[in-house]
Amino acid sequence: MRSRTKRFPGNVLSGFRAEKKNRLLLLLIGVFLLAFFVPWGAPRVSAAVNEAFLMLAEYARDHVLLCLVPAFFIAGAMTLFLNQQSVIKYLGPDAPKVVAYGVASASGTILAVCSCTVLPLFKGIYKKGAGLGPAVSFLYSGPAINILAVILTAKVLGVQLGLARAIGAIVFAFVIGLFMQLIFRREEKERTTNAAMFQSFDDEDGRSPGQMVTYMAAMVGILIFLNWAPSGGSVAWWDFLHRWKYAITGGFGVLLTFALVRWFTRSELRDWVRATRDFAVQILPLLFAGVLVAGFLLGRPGHMALIPEQWVAGLVGSNSLGSNLIASVAGALMYFATLTEVPIMQGLIGAGMDQGPALALLLAGPSLSLPSLLVIGGELGVRKTAVYVSLVIVLSTAAGMFYGSIV
């Protein structure tokens, strides 16, 4: 009996191998050029290399275990267990715009995560059937619309700037999502009508909506309270929750354990772990590479890297188009952990940064970073990622110029 296994023609396989070897050769050429031409012994370059690995170490200690690992598990759960029809109903391309973008923006407000932690969550809802517009709205709002960050901005940098940041981030979440859905509506229509693009898991698993809400809420609670940062005395109730964050996290952990034991089978839990692993394998290499590059170019706050902070501050000392554009682009490349943008902006404003570019950086910075751009590009492709980044930069620049002209 003949085997029906489908075989590729020899020339196709040879083409795959040749393409792989060509990519490897280009990579080796790039490494050679870097090794040959970069003056590694120069003090600033040596400091930048050191900053790259120190930033990676800081990122690994502060963000991978507490932020990304819980986010990977939530993304895996979204892909496997979240009811696809519910996602399409509330976040799909044909959902009412107010509902879809309202849910996406509200989710960002509740999560209050950084630009990297939001990535697996974005991939999870996008793969489950969310429209491009609502998914991108969620992608922007997760890091940008952070209640405590807005409060701290108002407390430390002034009420006007805090209010402008809150209004700008909410408006941007809607506008950017709507523009992405409009620009790529033809591709989105093909994507959402092709069932093969989504994970084909059975949504009829015997669990009630209340059980699923409990399961997902427990994981989201763990993610939120593990990363609950202090306000520095600015907000009393927030600091009270910070003091008790591990006890609260433990409570959510008990709730999650109960849900897993009572409502899930062993095979489902194995599938969940595999889905979580797949997200980690897809995302972590690009994130780590992006953190290294960001650390080499810009370094950690207050530490010397290849591009000094003084240069950035010197370029954004006025409310000109160029200053606001530079602030937006710099913000799109810099990595801000949750809440760290406030003290960084305080230092830059003290060094001479104008109010307009300050707002531009606050609107572009927390929502984007070089590490996150690499992951978004891998999921959406270069063209969609370029449009998304361009929308953030253009809107941030325009908002900065308008705000700088009226204050």
Protein backbone atom coordinates (compact mmCIF):
# COMPACT_ATOMS: atom_id res chain seq x y z
CA MET A 1 0.00 0.00 0.00
CA ARG A 2 1.45 3.30 -1.02
CA SER A 3 2.03 5.96 1.60
CA ARG A 4 -0.10 9.04 1.11
CA THR A 5 2.33 11.29 2.96
CA LYS A 6 2.66 14.53 1.04
CA ARG A 7 6.21 15.17 -0.12
CA PHE A 8 7.74 18.40 -1.28
CA PRO A 9 9.60 18.40 -4.59
CA GLY A 10 13.36 18.32 -4.24
CA ASN A 11 13.81 21.77 -5.74
CA VAL A 12 11.40 23.28 -3.16
CA LEU A 13 13.32 21.72 -0.27
CA SER A 14 16.58 22.89 -1.80
CA GLY A 15 15.15 26.40 -2.03
CA PHE A 16 14.20 26.33 1.68
CA ARG A 17 17.70 25.20 2.63
CA ALA A 18 19.33 27.81 0.41
CA GLU A 19 17.19 30.60 1.89
CA LYS A 20 18.07 29.49 5.41
CA LYS A 21 21.77 29.44 4.57
CA ASN A 22 21.52 32.89 2.98
CA ARG A 23 19.94 34.32 6.13
CA LEU A 24 22.65 32.72 8.24
CA LEU A 25 25.33 34.15 5.94
CA LEU A 26 23.84 37.65 6.24
CA LEU A 27 23.77 37.30 10.02
CA LEU A 28 27.42 36.23 10.06
CA ILE A 29 28.36 39.16 7.81
CA GLY A 30 26.57 41.54 10.18
CA VAL A 31 28.39 40.11 13.20
CA PHE A 32 31.72 40.39 11.37
CA LEU A 33 31.10 44.04 10.43
CA LEU A 34 30.18 44.88 14.02
CA ALA A 35 33.27 43.11 15.36
CA PHE A 36 35.53 44.76 12.78
CA PHE A 37 34.36 48.37 12.79
CA VAL A 38 32.87 49.13 16.22
CA PRO A 39 35.51 50.61 18.58
CA TRP A 40 34.71 48.31 21.49
CA GLY A 41 37.58 49.69 23.55
CA ALA A 42 36.23 53.26 23.56
CA PRO A 43 34.88 54.23 27.02
CA ARG A 44 31.41 55.16 25.81
CA VAL A 45 31.03 52.00 23.73
CA SER A 46 32.28 49.84 26.60
CA ALA A 47 29.83 51.56 28.94
CA ALA A 48 27.02 50.99 26.41
CA VAL A 49 27.82 47.26 26.18
CA ASN A 50 27.83 47.06 29.97
CA GLU A 51 24.51 48.91 30.12
CA ALA A 52 22.97 46.52 27.59
CA PHE A 53 23.62 43.48 29.78
CA LEU A 54 22.82 45.30 33.03
CA MET A 55 19.49 46.34 31.55
CA LEU A 56 18.83 42.76 30.44
CA ALA A 57 19.68 41.52 33.96
CA GLU A 58 17.38 44.12 35.51
CA TYR A 59 14.64 43.19 33.04
CA ALA A 60 15.02 39.49 33.84
CA ARG A 61 14.88 40.06 37.61
CA ASP A 62 12.05 42.60 37.68
CA HIS A 63 9.81 41.67 34.78
CA VAL A 64 10.14 38.12 33.48
CA LEU A 65 9.04 36.12 36.54
CA LEU A 66 6.50 38.56 37.96
CA CYS A 67 5.14 40.12 34.75
CA LEU A 68 5.72 37.97 31.69
CA VAL A 69 5.24 34.49 33.14
CA PRO A 70 1.74 35.27 34.50
CA ALA A 71 0.95 37.06 31.22
CA PHE A 72 2.03 33.99 29.22
CA PHE A 73 -0.30 31.77 31.25
CA ILE A 74 -3.19 34.21 30.74
CA ALA A 75 -2.47 34.31 26.99
CA GLY A 76 -2.37 30.51 26.84
CA ALA A 77 -5.70 30.36 28.68
CA MET A 78 -7.21 32.89 26.29
CA THR A 79 -6.15 30.83 23.30
CA LEU A 80 -7.40 27.52 24.68
CA PHE A 81 -10.39 28.21 26.90
CA LEU A 82 -11.82 31.63 26.13
CA ASN A 83 -15.06 31.39 24.21
CA GLN A 84 -14.26 32.53 20.69
CA GLN A 85 -17.81 33.66 19.96
CA SER A 86 -17.71 35.95 23.00
CA VAL A 87 -14.43 37.49 21.84
CA ILE A 88 -15.84 38.09 18.37
CA LYS A 89 -19.08 39.44 19.84
CA TYR A 90 -17.38 42.11 21.97
CA LEU A 91 -14.05 42.67 20.20
CA GLY A 92 -14.60 41.42 16.67
CA PRO A 93 -14.50 43.67 13.59
CA ASP A 94 -18.29 43.70 13.34
CA ALA A 95 -18.92 44.45 17.01
CA PRO A 96 -20.43 47.85 17.86
CA LYS A 97 -17.57 50.35 17.87
CA VAL A 98 -18.43 51.84 21.25
CA VAL A 99 -18.55 48.38 22.82
CA ALA A 100 -15.40 47.02 21.15
CA TYR A 101 -13.14 49.99 21.78
CA GLY A 102 -14.69 50.67 25.18
CA VAL A 103 -13.92 47.11 26.33
CA ALA A 104 -10.38 47.31 24.91
CA SER A 105 -9.64 50.62 26.63
CA ALA A 106 -11.22 49.59 29.94
CA SER A 107 -9.15 46.39 29.94
CA GLY A 108 -6.00 48.46 29.62
CA THR A 109 -7.05 50.65 32.54
CA ILE A 110 -7.60 47.61 34.76
CA LEU A 111 -4.40 45.76 33.82
CA ALA A 112 -1.92 48.67 34.05
CA VAL A 113 0.95 46.70 32.50
CA CYS A 114 4.11 47.73 30.64
CA SER A 115 4.62 47.64 26.87
CA CYS A 116 6.16 44.16 27.00
CA THR A 117 3.78 42.46 29.45
CA VAL A 118 0.78 43.42 27.29
CA LEU A 119 2.19 41.58 24.26
CA PRO A 120 1.19 37.98 25.08
CA LEU A 121 -2.27 39.21 26.10
CA PHE A 122 -2.59 41.07 22.78
CA LYS A 123 -1.52 37.96 20.85
CA GLY A 124 -4.02 35.88 22.80
CA ILE A 125 -7.10 37.96 21.99
CA TYR A 126 -5.96 38.60 18.41
CA LYS A 127 -5.53 34.88 17.70
CA LYS A 128 -8.91 34.19 19.29
CA GLY A 129 -10.73 36.39 16.79
CA ALA A 130 -10.58 39.99 18.01
CA GLY A 131 -10.60 42.53 15.20
CA LEU A 132 -7.36 44.33 14.40
CA GLY A 133 -8.74 47.67 15.59
CA PRO A 134 -9.93 46.58 19.05
CA ALA A 135 -6.82 44.41 19.51
CA VAL A 136 -4.52 47.34 18.71
CA SER A 137 -6.62 49.59 20.92
CA PHE A 138 -6.02 47.12 23.74
CA LEU A 139 -2.32 46.94 22.82
CA TYR A 140 -2.00 50.72 23.19
CA SER A 141 -4.24 51.21 26.20
CA GLY A 142 -2.68 48.47 28.34
CA PRO A 143 0.53 50.40 29.05
CA ALA A 144 -0.74 53.92 28.28
CA ILE A 145 -3.95 54.23 30.34
CA ASN A 146 -2.56 53.45 33.78
CA ILE A 147 -4.57 55.03 36.59
CA LEU A 148 -1.70 55.33 39.06
CA ALA A 149 0.71 56.59 36.38
CA VAL A 150 -1.76 59.35 35.49
CA ILE A 151 -2.17 60.25 39.18
CA LEU A 152 1.60 60.31 39.73
CA THR A 153 2.09 62.40 36.60
CA ALA A 154 -0.36 64.97 37.96
CA LYS A 155 1.22 64.86 41.43
CA VAL A 156 4.86 65.08 40.33
CA LEU A 157 4.75 66.89 36.98
CA GLY A 158 1.63 69.01 37.41
CA VAL A 159 -2.14 68.60 37.16
CA GLN A 160 -2.24 70.00 33.62
CA LEU A 161 0.23 67.46 32.26
CA GLY A 162 -1.46 64.60 34.13
CA LEU A 163 -4.88 65.54 32.76
CA ALA A 164 -3.50 65.99 29.24
CA ARG A 165 -1.87 62.55 29.44
CA ALA A 166 -5.12 60.90 30.57
CA ILE A 167 -7.24 62.54 27.85
CA GLY A 168 -4.64 61.94 25.15
CA ALA A 169 -4.19 58.25 25.99
CA ILE A 170 -7.93 57.54 26.02
CA VAL A 171 -8.48 59.36 22.72
CA PHE A 172 -5.45 57.69 21.13
CA ALA A 173 -6.67 54.20 22.10
CA PHE A 174 -9.89 54.80 20.15
CA VAL A 175 -8.40 56.70 17.21
CA ILE A 176 -5.43 54.40 16.58
CA GLY A 177 -7.62 51.31 16.70
CA LEU A 178 -10.20 52.82 14.36
CA PHE A 179 -7.54 53.90 11.86
CA MET A 180 -5.87 50.47 11.89
CA GLN A 181 -9.23 48.77 11.27
CA LEU A 182 -10.03 51.23 8.46
CA ILE A 183 -6.63 51.06 6.73
CA PHE A 184 -6.46 47.26 6.76
CA ARG A 185 -10.19 46.53 6.45
CA ARG A 186 -9.77 44.36 3.33
CA GLU A 187 -7.09 42.16 4.91
CA GLU A 188 -9.09 41.97 8.12
CA LYS A 189 -12.19 40.83 6.25
CA GLU A 190 -10.21 37.99 4.69
CA ARG A 191 -8.68 37.09 8.04
CA THR A 192 -11.91 37.01 10.02
CA THR A 193 -13.77 35.00 7.39
CA ASN A 194 -11.04 32.36 7.31
CA ALA A 195 -11.71 30.09 10.28
CA ALA A 196 -8.30 28.47 9.87
CA MET A 197 -6.66 31.67 11.09
CA PHE A 198 -7.99 31.06 14.59
CA GLN A 199 -7.20 28.33 17.06
CA SER A 200 -9.74 25.56 16.51
CA PHE A 201 -10.42 24.51 20.08
CA ASP A 202 -13.84 23.45 21.29
CA ASP A 203 -15.49 26.17 23.33
CA GLU A 204 -18.15 23.77 24.67
CA ASP A 205 -16.02 22.48 27.56
CA GLY A 206 -18.71 22.16 30.22
CA ARG A 207 -17.60 25.17 32.26
CA SER A 208 -20.08 27.91 33.04
CA PRO A 209 -19.38 31.58 32.25
CA GLY A 210 -19.07 32.22 35.98
CA GLN A 211 -16.39 29.56 36.33
CA MET A 212 -14.45 31.00 33.39
CA VAL A 213 -14.70 34.51 34.84
CA THR A 214 -13.39 33.22 38.18
CA TYR A 215 -10.50 31.39 36.49
CA MET A 216 -9.44 34.36 34.36
CA ALA A 217 -9.97 36.90 37.17
CA ALA A 218 -7.73 34.88 39.48
CA MET A 219 -4.86 34.99 36.96
CA VAL A 220 -5.38 38.68 36.20
CA GLY A 221 -5.44 39.40 39.94
CA ILE A 222 -2.12 37.58 40.39
CA LEU A 223 -0.59 39.58 37.52
CA ILE A 224 -1.85 42.93 38.85
CA PHE A 225 -0.95 42.55 42.52
CA LEU A 226 2.42 40.85 41.98
CA ASN A 227 3.45 44.03 40.15
CA TRP A 228 1.63 46.56 42.34
CA ALA A 229 4.15 49.39 42.71
CA PRO A 230 4.22 51.94 45.57
CA SER A 231 3.17 55.52 44.87
CA GLY A 232 5.85 57.00 47.10
CA GLY A 233 3.29 58.31 49.59
CA SER A 234 1.28 60.16 46.96
CA VAL A 235 -1.81 57.93 47.16
CA ALA A 236 -2.59 56.43 50.59
CA TRP A 237 -5.02 53.70 49.51
CA TRP A 238 -2.67 52.61 46.73
CA ASP A 239 0.23 52.25 49.17
CA PHE A 240 -2.05 50.33 51.58
CA LEU A 241 -2.73 47.79 48.82
CA HIS A 242 1.00 47.67 48.05
CA ARG A 243 1.79 46.69 51.64
CA TRP A 244 -0.68 43.81 51.42
CA LYS A 245 -0.02 42.86 47.81
CA TYR A 246 1.52 39.45 48.53
CA ALA A 247 -1.35 38.46 50.82
CA ILE A 248 -3.83 39.53 48.14
CA THR A 249 -1.82 37.66 45.49
CA GLY A 250 -1.87 34.57 47.72
CA GLY A 251 -5.66 34.81 47.91
CA PHE A 252 -5.92 34.89 44.14
CA GLY A 253 -3.48 31.96 44.01
CA VAL A 254 -5.75 29.89 46.27
CA LEU A 255 -8.73 30.79 44.08
CA LEU A 256 -6.83 29.77 40.94
CA THR A 257 -5.77 26.45 42.51
CA PHE A 258 -9.37 25.70 43.44
CA ALA A 259 -10.52 26.47 39.89
CA LEU A 260 -7.83 24.27 38.31
CA VAL A 261 -8.51 21.31 40.59
CA ARG A 262 -12.31 21.42 40.33
CA TRP A 263 -13.01 22.54 36.77
CA PHE A 264 -10.16 21.31 34.54
CA THR A 265 -8.93 17.91 33.42
CA ARG A 266 -5.30 16.86 33.38
CA SER A 267 -5.21 16.85 29.60
CA GLU A 268 -6.56 20.43 29.52
CA LEU A 269 -3.90 21.54 31.99
CA ARG A 270 -1.20 19.91 29.85
CA ASP A 271 -2.53 21.74 26.78
CA TRP A 272 -2.54 24.99 28.78
CA VAL A 273 1.12 24.54 29.75
CA ARG A 274 2.03 23.79 26.12
CA ALA A 275 0.20 26.90 24.87
CA THR A 276 1.98 28.98 27.52
CA ARG A 277 5.32 27.51 26.43
CA ASP A 278 4.60 28.34 22.80
CA PHE A 279 3.93 32.00 23.66
CA ALA A 280 7.15 32.19 25.66
CA VAL A 281 9.21 30.65 22.83
CA GLN A 282 7.72 33.09 20.29
CA ILE A 283 8.10 36.25 22.37
CA LEU A 284 11.08 35.99 24.74
CA PRO A 285 13.92 35.82 22.15
CA LEU A 286 12.73 39.01 20.44
CA LEU A 287 12.16 40.77 23.75
CA PHE A 288 15.61 39.91 25.06
CA ALA A 289 17.24 41.04 21.80
CA GLY A 290 15.28 44.31 21.92
CA VAL A 291 16.23 44.96 25.56
CA LEU A 292 19.91 44.48 24.71
CA VAL A 293 19.72 46.94 21.82
CA ALA A 294 17.73 49.47 23.86
CA GLY A 295 20.19 49.18 26.73
CA PHE A 296 23.14 49.64 24.38
CA LEU A 297 21.67 52.78 22.78
CA LEU A 298 19.91 54.50 25.70
CA GLY A 299 20.83 52.60 28.85
CA ARG A 300 19.05 52.69 32.18
CA PRO A 301 17.86 56.02 33.61
CA GLY A 302 20.78 57.97 34.99
CA HIS A 303 23.47 55.72 33.45
CA MET A 304 25.70 56.44 30.47
CA ALA A 305 25.08 54.50 27.26
CA LEU A 306 25.80 55.27 23.61
CA ILE A 307 23.20 58.09 23.43
CA PRO A 308 23.36 60.29 26.57
CA GLU A 309 20.14 61.56 28.17
CA GLN A 310 21.57 65.09 27.97
CA TRP A 311 21.48 64.88 24.19
CA VAL A 312 17.80 63.98 24.24
CA ALA A 313 17.01 66.80 26.68
CA GLY A 314 18.98 69.26 24.55
CA LEU A 315 17.00 68.35 21.43
CA VAL A 316 13.59 68.80 23.03
CA GLY A 317 14.00 72.16 24.74
CA SER A 318 11.39 73.95 22.60
CA ASN A 319 7.87 73.32 21.35
CA SER A 320 8.89 73.05 17.71
CA LEU A 321 7.81 70.30 15.33
CA GLY A 322 11.30 68.83 15.44
CA SER A 323 11.41 68.73 19.26
CA ASN A 324 8.03 67.03 19.54
CA LEU A 325 8.88 64.56 16.78
CA ILE A 326 12.21 63.67 18.42
CA ALA A 327 10.45 63.17 21.76
CA SER A 328 7.86 60.88 20.16
CA VAL A 329 10.47 58.80 18.31
CA ALA A 330 12.70 58.57 21.39
CA GLY A 331 9.69 57.48 23.44
CA ALA A 332 8.82 54.82 20.86
CA LEU A 333 12.31 53.30 21.22
CA MET A 334 12.89 53.66 24.97
CA TYR A 335 11.71 51.00 27.39
CA PHE A 336 9.71 52.20 30.40
CA ALA A 337 8.85 49.79 33.17
CA THR A 338 5.49 50.58 34.79
CA LEU A 339 5.60 54.00 36.55
CA THR A 340 9.29 54.63 35.78
CA GLU A 341 8.38 57.16 33.10
CA VAL A 342 7.38 59.70 35.78
CA PRO A 343 10.80 60.11 37.48
CA ILE A 344 12.50 59.91 34.07
CA MET A 345 10.33 62.72 32.77
CA GLN A 346 10.97 64.71 35.95
CA GLY A 347 14.69 64.53 35.24
CA LEU A 348 14.30 65.45 31.57
CA ILE A 349 12.04 68.42 32.36
CA GLY A 350 14.57 69.53 34.96
CA ALA A 351 17.24 69.33 32.25
CA GLY A 352 15.28 71.72 30.03
CA MET A 353 12.64 69.64 28.24
CA ASP A 354 9.63 71.70 27.10
CA GLN A 355 6.07 70.81 28.18
CA GLY A 356 4.93 69.88 24.64
CA PRO A 357 7.66 67.30 24.00
CA ALA A 358 7.14 66.02 27.55
CA LEU A 359 3.53 65.13 26.74
CA ALA A 360 4.57 63.66 23.38
CA LEU A 361 7.02 61.35 25.09
CA LEU A 362 4.49 60.36 27.77
CA LEU A 363 1.95 59.41 25.10
CA ALA A 364 4.38 57.48 22.89
CA GLY A 365 6.80 56.07 25.46
CA PRO A 366 4.87 53.73 27.78
CA SER A 367 2.89 52.19 24.91
CA LEU A 368 5.88 51.40 22.68
CA SER A 369 9.46 50.24 23.05
CA LEU A 370 12.09 48.69 20.82
CA PRO A 371 11.61 45.22 22.38
CA SER A 372 7.84 45.38 21.92
CA LEU A 373 8.18 46.56 18.30
CA LEU A 374 10.08 43.39 17.41
CA VAL A 375 7.32 41.19 18.83
CA ILE A 376 4.49 43.23 17.27
CA GLY A 377 6.27 43.02 13.91
CA GLY A 378 6.46 39.24 14.23
CA GLU A 379 2.70 39.03 14.86
CA LEU A 380 1.28 41.73 12.56
CA GLY A 381 4.01 42.00 9.94
CA VAL A 382 6.24 44.92 9.03
CA ARG A 383 3.58 46.97 7.20
CA LYS A 384 0.93 46.93 9.93
CA THR A 385 3.54 47.53 12.61
CA ALA A 386 4.96 50.48 10.69
CA VAL A 387 1.48 52.00 10.36
CA TYR A 388 0.77 51.48 14.07
CA VAL A 389 4.05 53.07 15.12
CA SER A 390 3.55 55.94 12.67
CA LEU A 391 0.07 56.63 14.07
CA VAL A 392 1.40 56.73 17.63
CA ILE A 393 4.30 59.02 16.68
CA VAL A 394 2.23 61.39 14.52
CA LEU A 395 -0.59 61.71 17.06
CA SER A 396 1.87 62.14 19.95
CA THR A 397 3.75 64.83 18.03
CA ALA A 398 0.54 66.69 17.18
CA ALA A 399 -0.73 66.43 20.77
CA GLY A 400 2.58 67.70 22.10
CA MET A 401 2.62 70.70 19.81
CA PHE A 402 -0.99 71.59 20.64
CA TYR A 403 -0.46 71.21 24.39
CA GLY A 404 2.81 73.14 24.29
CA SER A 405 1.12 76.03 22.49
CA ILE A 406 -1.61 76.50 25.11
CA VAL A 407 0.28 76.08 28.40
